[in-house]
Amino acid sequence: MTFKLSDLTGFTGSSEFYQHSLVRGVVYTEGVQALAEGAGAYWLIDKIATNQFTLAVAGEEFQVWILARSTSGDTWILQCEDGNDNVVYRESIEYSDFPIEPGKNFKLWCVRGEQMTIMLPSEY
C-alpha cells in the first residue's frame, strides 16, 4: 500500500505522544508518527526537533513548518514561520521523496508547552 497525505485526514487531537529520540524536550502526535512511518519522514521530525536549538526558532512559542516543492519538482525548501507569516528559518533540501506534488507544500505546527509538540494542523 502506498502512503498518501490524505491518509492523515482522520487525525484530530491526540491521546498518545511520542518522545523524540535525540531532543528530549520535543514530542510529537499520533498523526505525525503516522506521517513519519508512512512517508519515511522521520528526517523531517529530526529537522524540526534539532532546529529548536536555532536561536531564531527557539524564541517562537508557535511555529509553522512548511516543506515546499518547486513547480519543477526538483527543488525543496523547509522553512519555519512564526504564525504571522514571518520566516524565522529557511533551508534548501537537496533531495526528498516526500509525497507532495510539484508546486505544493505541507505544513506541521509546533506548540510550546511543557515540551515542544509537533502536530498536524488538524490535531491542534
Protein backbone atom coordinates (compact mmCIF):
# COMPACT_ATOMS: atom_id res chain seq x y z
CA MET A 1 0.00 0.00 0.00
CA THR A 2 1.35 3.40 -0.97
CA PHE A 3 1.14 6.20 1.60
CA LYS A 4 -0.80 9.33 0.63
CA LEU A 5 -1.10 12.54 2.64
CA SER A 6 -4.86 12.06 2.50
CA ASP A 7 -4.27 9.11 4.87
CA LEU A 8 -3.74 11.74 7.60
CA THR A 9 -7.22 13.31 7.40
CA GLY A 10 -8.58 11.19 10.26
CA PHE A 11 -6.18 12.62 12.83
CA THR A 12 -7.86 15.20 15.08
CA GLY A 13 -6.40 15.67 18.52
CA SER A 14 -4.02 13.14 20.03
CA SER A 15 -4.15 10.87 23.04
CA GLU A 16 -0.65 9.46 22.60
CA PHE A 17 2.62 11.34 22.25
CA TYR A 18 5.99 10.09 21.05
CA GLN A 19 9.23 11.32 22.60
CA HIS A 20 11.86 12.45 20.11
CA SER A 21 14.86 10.16 20.48
CA LEU A 22 17.54 12.88 20.47
CA VAL A 23 15.83 16.07 21.63
CA ARG A 24 14.12 15.17 24.90
CA GLY A 25 12.16 18.43 25.01
CA VAL A 26 10.26 17.54 21.83
CA VAL A 27 7.28 15.22 21.47
CA TYR A 28 5.04 14.54 18.50
CA THR A 29 1.49 13.32 17.99
CA GLU A 30 -0.03 10.15 16.59
CA GLY A 31 -0.64 11.85 13.25
CA VAL A 32 2.99 12.90 12.95
CA GLN A 33 4.04 9.36 13.86
CA ALA A 34 1.78 8.03 11.08
CA LEU A 35 3.37 10.52 8.67
CA ALA A 36 6.88 9.50 9.72
CA GLU A 37 6.14 5.79 9.30
CA GLY A 38 4.05 6.04 6.15
CA ALA A 39 6.14 8.58 4.24
CA GLY A 40 9.53 7.68 5.70
CA ALA A 41 9.67 11.21 7.10
CA TYR A 42 11.50 10.75 10.38
CA TRP A 43 14.10 13.07 8.83
CA LEU A 44 11.51 15.87 8.84
CA ILE A 45 10.79 15.38 12.55
CA ASP A 46 14.55 15.37 13.20
CA LYS A 47 15.00 18.63 11.27
CA ILE A 48 12.24 20.33 13.26
CA ALA A 49 13.43 18.95 16.61
CA THR A 50 17.10 19.81 16.18
CA ASN A 51 16.29 23.30 14.91
CA GLN A 52 14.67 24.06 18.26
CA PHE A 53 18.25 24.96 19.25
CA THR A 54 18.49 27.58 16.48
CA LEU A 55 18.21 30.95 18.18
CA ALA A 56 15.54 32.44 15.91
CA VAL A 57 13.40 29.28 16.14
CA ALA A 58 13.86 28.72 19.88
CA GLY A 59 12.20 32.05 20.68
CA GLU A 60 8.94 31.12 18.96
CA GLU A 61 6.17 29.63 21.11
CA PHE A 62 4.14 28.74 17.99
CA GLN A 63 5.79 27.62 14.77
CA VAL A 64 4.53 26.72 11.33
CA TRP A 65 6.92 24.42 9.50
CA ILE A 66 6.43 24.29 5.74
CA LEU A 67 8.02 21.80 3.36
CA ALA A 68 7.56 23.16 -0.17
CA ARG A 69 8.31 21.57 -3.51
CA SER A 70 9.02 23.75 -6.55
CA THR A 71 6.79 23.58 -9.61
CA SER A 72 9.62 21.82 -11.46
CA GLY A 73 9.68 19.24 -8.66
CA ASP A 74 13.45 19.24 -8.22
CA THR A 75 13.82 21.90 -5.52
CA TRP A 76 12.70 21.62 -1.90
CA ILE A 77 12.57 24.30 0.80
CA LEU A 78 11.96 23.77 4.51
CA GLN A 79 11.06 26.88 6.44
CA CYS A 80 9.74 27.86 9.82
CA GLU A 81 7.34 30.76 10.26
CA ASP A 82 6.20 32.41 13.47
CA GLY A 83 2.46 32.02 12.80
CA ASN A 84 2.25 35.56 11.36
CA ASP A 85 3.89 34.66 8.03
CA ASN A 86 7.32 35.86 9.19
CA VAL A 87 10.07 33.42 8.17
CA VAL A 88 12.47 32.73 11.06
CA TYR A 89 14.36 29.80 9.50
CA ARG A 90 14.83 28.52 5.95
CA GLU A 91 16.95 25.85 4.29
CA SER A 92 17.18 24.08 0.96
CA ILE A 93 16.78 20.32 0.84
CA GLU A 94 18.78 18.64 -1.91
CA TYR A 95 16.52 15.64 -2.32
CA SER A 96 13.29 14.30 -0.91
CA ASP A 97 10.80 11.63 -1.86
CA PHE A 98 8.19 13.25 0.38
CA PRO A 99 4.76 12.58 -1.20
CA ILE A 100 3.72 16.05 -2.36
CA GLU A 101 3.22 17.12 -5.94
CA PRO A 102 5.35 19.79 -7.60
CA GLY A 103 4.16 23.28 -6.66
CA LYS A 104 2.57 22.10 -3.40
CA ASN A 105 3.57 22.32 0.25
CA PHE A 106 2.95 20.51 3.52
CA LYS A 107 2.64 22.08 6.97
CA LEU A 108 3.30 20.94 10.51
CA TRP A 109 2.68 23.03 13.61
CA CYS A 110 4.78 23.20 16.76
CA VAL A 111 3.36 24.49 20.02
CA ARG A 112 5.45 25.08 23.12
CA GLY A 113 4.01 23.97 26.44
CA GLU A 114 5.87 21.86 28.98
CA GLN A 115 7.54 20.42 25.86
CA MET A 116 7.54 21.41 22.21
CA THR A 117 4.82 19.40 20.49
CA ILE A 118 4.94 18.75 16.74
CA MET A 119 1.50 18.12 15.27
CA LEU A 120 -0.61 18.09 12.16
CA PRO A 121 -2.71 21.27 11.91
CA SER A 122 -5.82 19.07 12.23
CA GLU A 123 -4.59 17.86 15.64
CA TYR A 124 -4.48 21.30 17.28
